[in-house]
Amino acid sequence: MDRAGLLALLAGALEGAGAGIVWAKVNTFGSTAADVFCVTVPAELDARAAVEQHLLEVLGASVDVVVDEPVGD
């Protein structure tokens, strides 16, 4: 679900977890937000898991899908 400040919340959570945002695609369809981010994470083995965990903590129950496959090159 979309909500006020969602994009800023996501971007701040990614930055706070040490991810770099390469690009973002933001769409809103009525009350549904579809925000896609291309991010870079530090090379440490657990970096991706840490970013995912931080996002889940920030978003709570509003997370519908966690994509396990990288998009793009």
N, C-alpha and C. Protein backbone atom coordinates (compact mmCIF):
# COMPACT_ATOMS: atom_id res chain seq x y z
N MET A 1 0.84 -1.18 0.00
CA MET A 1 0.00 0.00 0.00
C MET A 1 0.88 1.24 0.00
N ASP A 2 0.42 2.22 -0.75
CA ASP A 2 1.12 3.50 -0.77
C ASP A 2 0.78 4.25 0.51
N ARG A 3 1.70 5.08 0.93
CA ARG A 3 1.45 5.95 2.08
C ARG A 3 2.38 7.14 1.99
N ALA A 4 2.00 8.21 2.64
CA ALA A 4 2.81 9.43 2.60
C ALA A 4 4.22 9.14 3.10
N GLY A 5 5.20 9.59 2.34
CA GLY A 5 6.59 9.43 2.75
C GLY A 5 7.21 8.07 2.47
N LEU A 6 6.49 7.19 1.75
CA LEU A 6 7.00 5.83 1.52
C LEU A 6 8.31 5.84 0.74
N LEU A 7 8.39 6.63 -0.32
CA LEU A 7 9.61 6.67 -1.12
C LEU A 7 10.79 7.15 -0.28
N ALA A 8 10.59 8.20 0.50
CA ALA A 8 11.66 8.70 1.38
C ALA A 8 12.04 7.66 2.42
N LEU A 9 11.07 6.94 2.95
CA LEU A 9 11.33 5.89 3.94
C LEU A 9 12.19 4.79 3.33
N LEU A 10 11.84 4.35 2.12
CA LEU A 10 12.61 3.31 1.45
C LEU A 10 14.03 3.76 1.15
N ALA A 11 14.16 4.96 0.58
CA ALA A 11 15.49 5.48 0.23
C ALA A 11 16.35 5.63 1.48
N GLY A 12 15.77 6.14 2.56
CA GLY A 12 16.51 6.30 3.81
C GLY A 12 16.92 4.96 4.40
N ALA A 13 16.03 3.97 4.30
CA ALA A 13 16.35 2.64 4.82
C ALA A 13 17.48 2.00 4.03
N LEU A 14 17.44 2.16 2.71
CA LEU A 14 18.52 1.61 1.89
C LEU A 14 19.85 2.27 2.23
N GLU A 15 19.83 3.59 2.31
CA GLU A 15 21.06 4.32 2.65
C GLU A 15 21.55 3.94 4.05
N GLY A 16 20.63 3.84 5.00
CA GLY A 16 20.99 3.49 6.36
C GLY A 16 21.59 2.10 6.48
N ALA A 17 21.23 1.22 5.55
CA ALA A 17 21.76 -0.15 5.57
C ALA A 17 23.05 -0.27 4.77
N GLY A 18 23.51 0.84 4.20
CA GLY A 18 24.78 0.81 3.47
C GLY A 18 24.66 0.54 1.98
N ALA A 19 23.44 0.54 1.45
CA ALA A 19 23.24 0.32 0.02
C ALA A 19 23.33 1.64 -0.73
N GLY A 20 23.82 1.58 -1.96
CA GLY A 20 23.84 2.75 -2.82
C GLY A 20 22.73 2.61 -3.85
N ILE A 21 21.95 3.66 -4.06
CA ILE A 21 20.86 3.62 -5.03
C ILE A 21 21.41 4.07 -6.39
N VAL A 22 21.35 3.17 -7.37
CA VAL A 22 21.82 3.47 -8.73
C VAL A 22 20.70 4.15 -9.51
N TRP A 23 19.49 3.60 -9.43
CA TRP A 23 18.32 4.21 -10.04
C TRP A 23 17.07 3.71 -9.32
N ALA A 24 15.98 4.44 -9.52
CA ALA A 24 14.70 4.04 -8.94
C ALA A 24 13.60 4.27 -9.97
N LYS A 25 12.62 3.37 -9.99
CA LYS A 25 11.44 3.52 -10.83
C LYS A 25 10.25 3.52 -9.89
N VAL A 26 9.50 4.59 -9.93
CA VAL A 26 8.42 4.79 -8.97
C VAL A 26 7.09 4.86 -9.70
N ASN A 27 6.15 4.01 -9.33
CA ASN A 27 4.81 4.01 -9.90
C ASN A 27 3.79 3.92 -8.78
N THR A 28 2.68 4.60 -8.97
CA THR A 28 1.56 4.50 -8.05
C THR A 28 0.31 4.18 -8.85
N PHE A 29 -0.39 3.15 -8.44
CA PHE A 29 -1.63 2.73 -9.09
C PHE A 29 -2.73 2.77 -8.04
N GLY A 30 -3.45 3.88 -7.97
CA GLY A 30 -4.46 4.04 -6.93
C GLY A 30 -3.79 4.04 -5.57
N SER A 31 -4.14 3.08 -4.73
CA SER A 31 -3.56 3.01 -3.38
C SER A 31 -2.36 2.06 -3.31
N THR A 32 -1.91 1.58 -4.46
CA THR A 32 -0.79 0.64 -4.50
C THR A 32 0.46 1.31 -5.04
N ALA A 33 1.57 1.17 -4.33
CA ALA A 33 2.85 1.70 -4.78
C ALA A 33 3.70 0.55 -5.30
N ALA A 34 4.35 0.79 -6.43
CA ALA A 34 5.28 -0.20 -6.99
C ALA A 34 6.61 0.51 -7.21
N ASP A 35 7.46 0.48 -6.20
CA ASP A 35 8.76 1.16 -6.25
C ASP A 35 9.84 0.11 -6.47
N VAL A 36 10.65 0.32 -7.50
CA VAL A 36 11.73 -0.60 -7.83
C VAL A 36 13.05 0.15 -7.73
N PHE A 37 14.01 -0.42 -7.02
CA PHE A 37 15.31 0.21 -6.84
C PHE A 37 16.40 -0.71 -7.37
N CYS A 38 17.37 -0.15 -8.06
CA CYS A 38 18.59 -0.86 -8.41
C CYS A 38 19.64 -0.37 -7.42
N VAL A 39 20.16 -1.27 -6.62
CA VAL A 39 21.08 -0.86 -5.56
C VAL A 39 22.41 -1.61 -5.66
N THR A 40 23.42 -1.01 -5.09
CA THR A 40 24.70 -1.68 -4.90
C THR A 40 24.88 -1.88 -3.41
N VAL A 41 25.50 -2.98 -3.04
CA VAL A 41 25.77 -3.26 -1.63
C VAL A 41 27.25 -3.53 -1.47
N PRO A 42 27.78 -3.34 -0.27
CA PRO A 42 29.19 -3.65 -0.02
C PRO A 42 29.48 -5.12 -0.35
N ALA A 43 30.74 -5.41 -0.61
CA ALA A 43 31.14 -6.75 -1.04
C ALA A 43 31.10 -7.81 0.05
N GLU A 44 30.90 -7.43 1.30
CA GLU A 44 30.86 -8.41 2.38
C GLU A 44 29.75 -9.43 2.14
N LEU A 45 29.98 -10.65 2.53
CA LEU A 45 29.07 -11.76 2.28
C LEU A 45 27.66 -11.50 2.81
N ASP A 46 27.53 -10.92 3.98
CA ASP A 46 26.23 -10.73 4.61
C ASP A 46 25.59 -9.39 4.30
N ALA A 47 26.16 -8.60 3.39
CA ALA A 47 25.66 -7.25 3.13
C ALA A 47 24.24 -7.27 2.58
N ARG A 48 23.95 -8.14 1.62
CA ARG A 48 22.60 -8.18 1.04
C ARG A 48 21.57 -8.56 2.11
N ALA A 49 21.88 -9.55 2.90
CA ALA A 49 20.96 -9.97 3.96
C ALA A 49 20.72 -8.84 4.95
N ALA A 50 21.76 -8.08 5.24
CA ALA A 50 21.61 -6.95 6.17
C ALA A 50 20.71 -5.88 5.59
N VAL A 51 20.85 -5.59 4.29
CA VAL A 51 19.99 -4.60 3.64
C VAL A 51 18.54 -5.09 3.66
N GLU A 52 18.31 -6.35 3.29
CA GLU A 52 16.96 -6.90 3.30
C GLU A 52 16.35 -6.85 4.69
N GLN A 53 17.11 -7.23 5.70
CA GLN A 53 16.61 -7.22 7.07
C GLN A 53 16.26 -5.81 7.51
N HIS A 54 17.09 -4.84 7.17
CA HIS A 54 16.83 -3.45 7.54
C HIS A 54 15.55 -2.95 6.87
N LEU A 55 15.35 -3.28 5.60
CA LEU A 55 14.12 -2.88 4.91
C LEU A 55 12.90 -3.51 5.56
N LEU A 56 12.98 -4.79 5.88
CA LEU A 56 11.85 -5.47 6.52
C LEU A 56 11.52 -4.84 7.86
N GLU A 57 12.52 -4.46 8.63
CA GLU A 57 12.29 -3.83 9.92
C GLU A 57 11.62 -2.47 9.75
N VAL A 58 12.08 -1.69 8.77
CA VAL A 58 11.53 -0.35 8.55
C VAL A 58 10.10 -0.42 8.02
N LEU A 59 9.84 -1.36 7.10
CA LEU A 59 8.53 -1.44 6.47
C LEU A 59 7.53 -2.28 7.25
N GLY A 60 7.99 -3.19 8.05
CA GLY A 60 7.08 -4.01 8.82
C GLY A 60 6.20 -4.88 7.94
N ALA A 61 4.93 -4.94 8.25
CA ALA A 61 4.01 -5.85 7.57
C ALA A 61 3.61 -5.39 6.18
N SER A 62 4.08 -4.22 5.72
CA SER A 62 3.66 -3.74 4.41
C SER A 62 4.45 -4.35 3.26
N VAL A 63 5.41 -5.22 3.56
CA VAL A 63 6.20 -5.84 2.50
C VAL A 63 5.43 -7.00 1.90
N ASP A 64 5.23 -6.97 0.57
CA ASP A 64 4.51 -8.03 -0.11
C ASP A 64 5.45 -9.04 -0.76
N VAL A 65 6.56 -8.56 -1.33
CA VAL A 65 7.45 -9.42 -2.11
C VAL A 65 8.89 -9.01 -1.90
N VAL A 66 9.75 -9.98 -1.71
CA VAL A 66 11.20 -9.75 -1.74
C VAL A 66 11.72 -10.52 -2.94
N VAL A 67 12.27 -9.80 -3.92
CA VAL A 67 12.77 -10.42 -5.14
C VAL A 67 14.15 -10.99 -4.87
N ASP A 68 14.34 -12.26 -5.17
CA ASP A 68 15.61 -12.93 -4.92
C ASP A 68 16.58 -12.88 -6.09
N GLU A 69 16.12 -12.45 -7.25
CA GLU A 69 16.98 -12.43 -8.42
C GLU A 69 17.33 -11.00 -8.79
N PRO A 70 18.59 -10.75 -9.15
CA PRO A 70 18.97 -9.41 -9.59
C PRO A 70 18.30 -9.08 -10.92
N VAL A 71 18.01 -7.82 -11.12
CA VAL A 71 17.40 -7.35 -12.36
C VAL A 71 18.44 -6.58 -13.14
N GLY A 72 18.52 -6.78 -14.43
CA GLY A 72 19.50 -6.06 -15.25
C GLY A 72 20.77 -6.86 -15.38
N ASP A 73 21.88 -6.11 -15.63
CA ASP A 73 23.14 -6.81 -15.88
C ASP A 73 23.93 -7.08 -14.65
